[in-house]
Amino acid sequence: MPEVLEANPITELQRLTVSLRGGFEKRSSSLVFHFTGQLDAYSEKQFNNYVEDVLQANPYPVVIDLSNIDFIDSSGLGALVQIAKKCNRAKRSFVVVGNARVVQTIKLVRLEDFLHLAPDLTTALTKLAA
């Protein structure tokens, strides 16, 4: 059973794989996930399982903060699409935040609207509050 964190704010990210760490916090009536490292074929399953487990236990709108991700590939994008589809089916609002590299990759495959891409965490939280 995955560990549910109640840290607010996050002081330490949980190791999901050798190359990916993640955690979440409740902020402004939203769940904010923070990830660092690589979101790729090696880590996408753990990423998906972690996010889904937390979402099942918490009914809040979601921000997936990828601003500290060093690398994302097509498997990582697929994981984001799966999470987005689950949020859409559950009528749950969500936003993805990324750094320049992540944003470029998302825009390259034209997923910025589907993933509700936001330039920073403040903008993302504002979008969810509206």
N, C-alpha and C. Protein backbone atom coordinates (compact mmCIF):
# COMPACT_ATOMS: atom_id res chain seq x y z
N MET A 1 0.85 -1.19 0.00
CA MET A 1 0.00 0.00 0.00
C MET A 1 0.89 1.23 0.00
N PRO A 2 0.64 2.20 -0.91
CA PRO A 2 1.50 3.38 -0.99
C PRO A 2 1.32 4.28 0.23
N GLU A 3 2.38 4.95 0.55
CA GLU A 3 2.37 5.88 1.66
C GLU A 3 1.68 7.16 1.23
N VAL A 4 0.71 7.62 2.03
CA VAL A 4 0.03 8.87 1.75
C VAL A 4 0.70 9.95 2.59
N LEU A 5 1.21 10.96 1.93
CA LEU A 5 1.93 12.02 2.62
C LEU A 5 0.98 13.12 3.04
N GLU A 6 1.17 13.64 4.22
CA GLU A 6 0.39 14.78 4.69
C GLU A 6 1.31 15.99 4.89
N ALA A 7 2.50 15.94 4.33
CA ALA A 7 3.45 17.04 4.48
C ALA A 7 2.90 18.30 3.83
N ASN A 8 3.04 19.42 4.49
CA ASN A 8 2.55 20.67 3.93
C ASN A 8 3.42 21.80 4.43
N PRO A 9 4.36 22.31 3.71
CA PRO A 9 4.73 21.94 2.35
C PRO A 9 5.64 20.72 2.34
N ILE A 10 5.94 20.23 1.14
CA ILE A 10 6.78 19.05 0.99
C ILE A 10 8.20 19.39 1.45
N THR A 11 8.73 18.54 2.29
CA THR A 11 10.11 18.74 2.72
C THR A 11 11.03 17.72 2.07
N GLU A 12 10.47 16.58 1.66
CA GLU A 12 11.29 15.56 1.02
C GLU A 12 10.42 14.78 0.03
N LEU A 13 10.95 14.57 -1.16
CA LEU A 13 10.21 13.83 -2.17
C LEU A 13 10.49 12.34 -2.03
N GLN A 14 9.47 11.55 -2.26
CA GLN A 14 9.57 10.09 -2.19
C GLN A 14 10.26 9.56 -3.44
N ARG A 15 11.14 8.60 -3.28
CA ARG A 15 11.82 7.98 -4.41
C ARG A 15 10.85 7.01 -5.06
N LEU A 16 10.46 7.30 -6.31
CA LEU A 16 9.57 6.41 -7.06
C LEU A 16 10.39 5.42 -7.88
N THR A 17 11.48 5.88 -8.48
CA THR A 17 12.44 5.03 -9.18
C THR A 17 13.81 5.64 -8.93
N VAL A 18 14.82 5.04 -9.51
CA VAL A 18 16.18 5.59 -9.39
C VAL A 18 16.22 7.00 -9.96
N SER A 19 15.45 7.25 -11.02
CA SER A 19 15.54 8.53 -11.72
C SER A 19 14.36 9.48 -11.49
N LEU A 20 13.37 9.09 -10.66
CA LEU A 20 12.20 9.95 -10.45
C LEU A 20 11.83 9.99 -8.98
N ARG A 21 11.63 11.19 -8.49
CA ARG A 21 11.13 11.41 -7.13
C ARG A 21 9.85 12.21 -7.22
N GLY A 22 8.95 11.99 -6.26
CA GLY A 22 7.70 12.72 -6.29
C GLY A 22 7.09 12.86 -4.92
N GLY A 23 6.19 13.80 -4.83
CA GLY A 23 5.45 14.04 -3.59
C GLY A 23 4.27 14.94 -3.91
N PHE A 24 3.44 15.18 -2.90
CA PHE A 24 2.30 16.06 -3.11
C PHE A 24 2.01 16.83 -1.83
N GLU A 25 1.27 17.89 -2.00
CA GLU A 25 0.80 18.69 -0.88
C GLU A 25 -0.57 19.23 -1.22
N LYS A 26 -1.36 19.54 -0.20
CA LYS A 26 -2.64 20.20 -0.41
C LYS A 26 -2.39 21.69 -0.29
N ARG A 27 -2.80 22.41 -1.35
CA ARG A 27 -2.54 23.85 -1.39
C ARG A 27 -3.70 24.54 -2.08
N SER A 28 -4.27 25.55 -1.44
CA SER A 28 -5.38 26.32 -2.03
C SER A 28 -6.50 25.40 -2.53
N SER A 29 -6.90 24.45 -1.70
CA SER A 29 -7.97 23.49 -2.04
C SER A 29 -7.65 22.67 -3.27
N SER A 30 -6.38 22.46 -3.55
CA SER A 30 -5.94 21.63 -4.67
C SER A 30 -4.84 20.69 -4.21
N LEU A 31 -4.68 19.59 -4.94
CA LEU A 31 -3.54 18.71 -4.72
C LEU A 31 -2.45 19.14 -5.68
N VAL A 32 -1.28 19.40 -5.17
CA VAL A 32 -0.16 19.79 -6.02
C VAL A 32 0.90 18.69 -5.93
N PHE A 33 1.10 18.00 -7.06
CA PHE A 33 2.14 16.98 -7.16
C PHE A 33 3.42 17.66 -7.64
N HIS A 34 4.53 17.31 -7.03
CA HIS A 34 5.84 17.81 -7.45
C HIS A 34 6.70 16.61 -7.85
N PHE A 35 7.35 16.71 -8.98
CA PHE A 35 8.23 15.63 -9.44
C PHE A 35 9.57 16.21 -9.86
N THR A 36 10.61 15.42 -9.68
CA THR A 36 11.93 15.80 -10.11
C THR A 36 12.63 14.58 -10.70
N GLY A 37 13.44 14.80 -11.72
CA GLY A 37 14.16 13.71 -12.37
C GLY A 37 13.68 13.48 -13.78
N GLN A 38 13.48 12.20 -14.12
CA GLN A 38 13.11 11.83 -15.48
C GLN A 38 11.77 11.11 -15.50
N LEU A 39 10.88 11.56 -16.39
CA LEU A 39 9.60 10.91 -16.60
C LEU A 39 9.68 10.23 -17.96
N ASP A 40 9.99 8.93 -17.93
CA ASP A 40 10.28 8.21 -19.17
C ASP A 40 9.73 6.79 -19.08
N ALA A 41 10.10 5.96 -20.05
CA ALA A 41 9.60 4.58 -20.10
C ALA A 41 9.94 3.80 -18.82
N TYR A 42 11.04 4.14 -18.20
CA TYR A 42 11.45 3.45 -16.99
C TYR A 42 10.60 3.83 -15.78
N SER A 43 10.12 5.07 -15.73
CA SER A 43 9.43 5.56 -14.53
C SER A 43 7.93 5.79 -14.71
N GLU A 44 7.40 5.67 -15.93
CA GLU A 44 6.00 6.05 -16.14
C GLU A 44 5.02 5.19 -15.37
N LYS A 45 5.29 3.91 -15.19
CA LYS A 45 4.37 3.04 -14.44
C LYS A 45 4.29 3.47 -12.98
N GLN A 46 5.44 3.72 -12.36
CA GLN A 46 5.46 4.16 -10.97
C GLN A 46 4.80 5.53 -10.82
N PHE A 47 5.05 6.41 -11.78
CA PHE A 47 4.42 7.74 -11.79
C PHE A 47 2.90 7.58 -11.81
N ASN A 48 2.40 6.80 -12.75
CA ASN A 48 0.95 6.60 -12.88
C ASN A 48 0.36 5.99 -11.62
N ASN A 49 0.98 4.94 -11.10
CA ASN A 49 0.46 4.29 -9.89
C ASN A 49 0.43 5.24 -8.71
N TYR A 50 1.49 6.01 -8.55
CA TYR A 50 1.58 6.95 -7.43
C TYR A 50 0.46 8.00 -7.53
N VAL A 51 0.34 8.64 -8.70
CA VAL A 51 -0.68 9.69 -8.87
C VAL A 51 -2.08 9.10 -8.69
N GLU A 52 -2.34 7.97 -9.30
CA GLU A 52 -3.68 7.36 -9.18
C GLU A 52 -4.02 7.00 -7.75
N ASP A 53 -3.07 6.45 -6.99
CA ASP A 53 -3.33 6.11 -5.59
C ASP A 53 -3.68 7.34 -4.77
N VAL A 54 -2.96 8.42 -4.98
CA VAL A 54 -3.24 9.65 -4.24
C VAL A 54 -4.60 10.23 -4.66
N LEU A 55 -4.89 10.20 -5.96
CA LEU A 55 -6.16 10.75 -6.45
C LEU A 55 -7.35 9.99 -5.90
N GLN A 56 -7.23 8.68 -5.75
CA GLN A 56 -8.33 7.88 -5.20
C GLN A 56 -8.68 8.30 -3.78
N ALA A 57 -7.70 8.73 -3.03
CA ALA A 57 -7.90 9.08 -1.64
C ALA A 57 -8.22 10.56 -1.42
N ASN A 58 -8.12 11.37 -2.46
CA ASN A 58 -8.30 12.82 -2.32
C ASN A 58 -9.12 13.37 -3.48
N PRO A 59 -10.24 14.06 -3.20
CA PRO A 59 -11.16 14.50 -4.25
C PRO A 59 -10.86 15.88 -4.84
N TYR A 60 -9.71 16.45 -4.58
CA TYR A 60 -9.43 17.83 -4.95
C TYR A 60 -8.97 17.97 -6.40
N PRO A 61 -9.08 19.20 -6.95
CA PRO A 61 -8.47 19.49 -8.26
C PRO A 61 -6.96 19.25 -8.18
N VAL A 62 -6.33 19.03 -9.34
CA VAL A 62 -4.95 18.55 -9.38
C VAL A 62 -4.04 19.47 -10.19
N VAL A 63 -2.85 19.71 -9.66
CA VAL A 63 -1.76 20.34 -10.40
C VAL A 63 -0.62 19.33 -10.43
N ILE A 64 -0.13 19.04 -11.63
CA ILE A 64 1.05 18.19 -11.76
C ILE A 64 2.21 19.11 -12.16
N ASP A 65 3.08 19.35 -11.19
CA ASP A 65 4.20 20.27 -11.38
C ASP A 65 5.42 19.51 -11.88
N LEU A 66 5.74 19.72 -13.15
CA LEU A 66 6.89 19.07 -13.77
C LEU A 66 8.03 20.06 -14.02
N SER A 67 8.03 21.17 -13.30
CA SER A 67 9.03 22.21 -13.53
C SER A 67 10.44 21.76 -13.16
N ASN A 68 10.58 20.67 -12.40
CA ASN A 68 11.90 20.15 -12.05
C ASN A 68 12.22 18.84 -12.76
N ILE A 69 11.49 18.54 -13.81
CA ILE A 69 11.75 17.34 -14.60
C ILE A 69 12.87 17.65 -15.59
N ASP A 70 13.88 16.77 -15.62
CA ASP A 70 15.02 16.95 -16.52
C ASP A 70 14.76 16.41 -17.92
N PHE A 71 13.90 15.38 -17.99
CA PHE A 71 13.69 14.71 -19.27
C PHE A 71 12.31 14.06 -19.27
N ILE A 72 11.60 14.19 -20.38
CA ILE A 72 10.32 13.52 -20.56
C ILE A 72 10.31 12.95 -21.98
N ASP A 73 9.86 11.70 -22.10
CA ASP A 73 9.78 11.10 -23.43
C ASP A 73 8.32 10.74 -23.74
N SER A 74 8.11 10.00 -24.82
CA SER A 74 6.74 9.68 -25.23
C SER A 74 6.00 8.84 -24.19
N SER A 75 6.72 8.01 -23.46
CA SER A 75 6.08 7.23 -22.39
C SER A 75 5.60 8.15 -21.26
N GLY A 76 6.40 9.14 -20.94
CA GLY A 76 6.01 10.13 -19.94
C GLY A 76 4.80 10.92 -20.39
N LEU A 77 4.78 11.31 -21.67
CA LEU A 77 3.62 12.01 -22.21
C LEU A 77 2.39 11.11 -22.15
N GLY A 78 2.57 9.83 -22.46
CA GLY A 78 1.45 8.88 -22.38
C GLY A 78 0.90 8.78 -20.97
N ALA A 79 1.79 8.79 -19.99
CA ALA A 79 1.35 8.74 -18.59
C ALA A 79 0.53 9.98 -18.24
N LEU A 80 0.97 11.14 -18.71
CA LEU A 80 0.21 12.37 -18.47
C LEU A 80 -1.16 12.31 -19.12
N VAL A 81 -1.22 11.79 -20.34
CA VAL A 81 -2.50 11.67 -21.05
C VAL A 81 -3.44 10.73 -20.29
N GLN A 82 -2.91 9.63 -19.75
CA GLN A 82 -3.75 8.71 -18.97
C GLN A 82 -4.32 9.39 -17.75
N ILE A 83 -3.49 10.13 -17.03
CA ILE A 83 -3.97 10.86 -15.85
C ILE A 83 -5.02 11.89 -16.26
N ALA A 84 -4.77 12.62 -17.36
CA ALA A 84 -5.72 13.62 -17.84
C ALA A 84 -7.06 12.99 -18.19
N LYS A 85 -7.04 11.85 -18.85
CA LYS A 85 -8.28 11.15 -19.20
C LYS A 85 -9.05 10.74 -17.95
N LYS A 86 -8.35 10.24 -16.95
CA LYS A 86 -9.02 9.84 -15.71
C LYS A 86 -9.63 11.05 -15.00
N CYS A 87 -8.91 12.16 -15.00
CA CYS A 87 -9.45 13.39 -14.41
C CYS A 87 -10.68 13.86 -15.18
N ASN A 88 -10.62 13.81 -16.49
CA ASN A 88 -11.76 14.23 -17.31
C ASN A 88 -12.97 13.36 -17.04
N ARG A 89 -12.78 12.04 -17.00
CA ARG A 89 -13.90 11.12 -16.73
C ARG A 89 -14.52 11.39 -15.36
N ALA A 90 -13.69 11.75 -14.39
CA ALA A 90 -14.16 12.00 -13.02
C ALA A 90 -14.63 13.45 -12.84
N LYS A 91 -14.61 14.23 -13.92
CA LYS A 91 -14.98 15.66 -13.87
C LYS A 91 -14.13 16.40 -12.84
N ARG A 92 -12.85 16.05 -12.79
CA ARG A 92 -11.90 16.67 -11.87
C ARG A 92 -11.02 17.62 -12.66
N SER A 93 -10.89 18.85 -12.19
CA SER A 93 -10.04 19.83 -12.85
C SER A 93 -8.58 19.48 -12.62
N PHE A 94 -7.75 19.76 -13.62
CA PHE A 94 -6.32 19.51 -13.49
C PHE A 94 -5.56 20.46 -14.40
N VAL A 95 -4.30 20.68 -14.03
CA VAL A 95 -3.40 21.55 -14.78
C VAL A 95 -2.01 20.94 -14.70
N VAL A 96 -1.25 21.05 -15.77
CA VAL A 96 0.14 20.60 -15.79
C VAL A 96 1.03 21.83 -15.91
N VAL A 97 2.08 21.87 -15.09
CA VAL A 97 3.07 22.94 -15.12
C VAL A 97 4.39 22.32 -15.56
N GLY A 98 5.10 22.99 -16.45
CA GLY A 98 6.37 22.44 -16.91
C GLY A 98 7.43 23.51 -17.09
N ASN A 99 8.67 23.06 -17.15
CA ASN A 99 9.77 23.95 -17.48
C ASN A 99 9.86 24.06 -19.01
N ALA A 100 10.84 24.79 -19.52
CA ALA A 100 10.95 25.01 -20.97
C ALA A 100 11.06 23.70 -21.75
N ARG A 101 11.82 22.76 -21.25
CA ARG A 101 12.01 21.48 -21.94
C ARG A 101 10.70 20.68 -21.98
N VAL A 102 10.01 20.61 -20.85
CA VAL A 102 8.74 19.88 -20.78
C VAL A 102 7.69 20.55 -21.66
N VAL A 103 7.60 21.87 -21.58
CA VAL A 103 6.63 22.61 -22.39
C VAL A 103 6.90 22.39 -23.87
N GLN A 104 8.14 22.44 -24.27
CA GLN A 104 8.49 22.23 -25.68
C GLN A 104 8.05 20.84 -26.14
N THR A 105 8.27 19.84 -25.32
CA THR A 105 7.89 18.46 -25.68
C THR A 105 6.38 18.34 -25.78
N ILE A 106 5.65 18.92 -24.83
CA ILE A 106 4.19 18.86 -24.85
C ILE A 106 3.63 19.59 -26.07
N LYS A 107 4.19 20.75 -26.36
CA LYS A 107 3.71 21.52 -27.52
C LYS A 107 4.07 20.84 -28.84
N LEU A 108 5.18 20.13 -28.88
CA LEU A 108 5.59 19.43 -30.09
C LEU A 108 4.53 18.43 -30.55
N VAL A 109 3.87 17.79 -29.58
CA VAL A 109 2.83 16.82 -29.91
C VAL A 109 1.41 17.40 -29.76
N ARG A 110 1.35 18.71 -29.60
CA ARG A 110 0.09 19.46 -29.55
C ARG A 110 -0.86 19.00 -28.44
N LEU A 111 -0.32 18.79 -27.27
CA LEU A 111 -1.12 18.37 -26.13
C LEU A 111 -1.32 19.48 -25.10
N GLU A 112 -0.88 20.70 -25.41
CA GLU A 112 -0.94 21.77 -24.41
C GLU A 112 -2.36 22.09 -23.96
N ASP A 113 -3.34 22.05 -24.85
CA ASP A 113 -4.72 22.33 -24.46
C ASP A 113 -5.32 21.15 -23.70
N PHE A 114 -5.07 19.94 -24.18
CA PHE A 114 -5.60 18.75 -23.53
C PHE A 114 -5.07 18.61 -22.10
N LEU A 115 -3.80 18.96 -21.90
CA LEU A 115 -3.18 18.84 -20.57
C LEU A 115 -3.34 20.12 -19.74
N HIS A 116 -4.03 21.13 -20.29
CA HIS A 116 -4.26 22.40 -19.58
C HIS A 116 -2.94 22.97 -19.07
N LEU A 117 -1.99 23.09 -19.96
CA LEU A 117 -0.64 23.52 -19.62
C LEU A 117 -0.64 24.95 -19.07
N ALA A 118 0.06 25.13 -17.96
CA ALA A 118 0.21 26.46 -17.34
C ALA A 118 1.69 26.78 -17.22
N PRO A 119 2.07 28.06 -17.31
CA PRO A 119 3.49 28.42 -17.29
C PRO A 119 4.15 28.33 -15.91
N ASP A 120 3.35 28.39 -14.83
CA ASP A 120 3.93 28.32 -13.49
C ASP A 120 2.87 27.89 -12.49
N LEU A 121 3.30 27.58 -11.29
CA LEU A 121 2.41 27.07 -10.26
C LEU A 121 1.35 28.08 -9.84
N THR A 122 1.72 29.33 -9.72
CA THR A 122 0.75 30.37 -9.34
C THR A 122 -0.38 30.45 -10.35
N THR A 123 -0.05 30.46 -11.63
CA THR A 123 -1.06 30.50 -12.70
C THR A 123 -1.94 29.25 -12.64
N ALA A 124 -1.32 28.11 -12.42
CA ALA A 124 -2.07 26.85 -12.34
C ALA A 124 -3.09 26.88 -11.21
N LEU A 125 -2.67 27.33 -10.03
CA LEU A 125 -3.59 27.39 -8.89
C LEU A 125 -4.70 28.40 -9.13
N THR A 126 -4.37 29.50 -9.81
CA THR A 126 -5.38 30.51 -10.15
C THR A 126 -6.41 29.93 -11.11
N LYS A 127 -5.94 29.17 -12.11
CA LYS A 127 -6.86 28.53 -13.07
C LYS A 127 -7.83 27.60 -12.35
N LEU A 128 -7.34 26.83 -11.39
CA LEU A 128 -8.19 25.88 -10.69
C LEU A 128 -9.16 26.57 -9.75
N ALA A 129 -8.79 27.72 -9.23
CA ALA A 129 -9.65 28.45 -8.30
C ALA A 129 -10.79 29.17 -9.03
N ALA A 130 -10.60 29.40 -10.34
CA ALA A 130 -11.62 30.15 -11.10
C ALA A 130 -12.85 29.34 -11.39
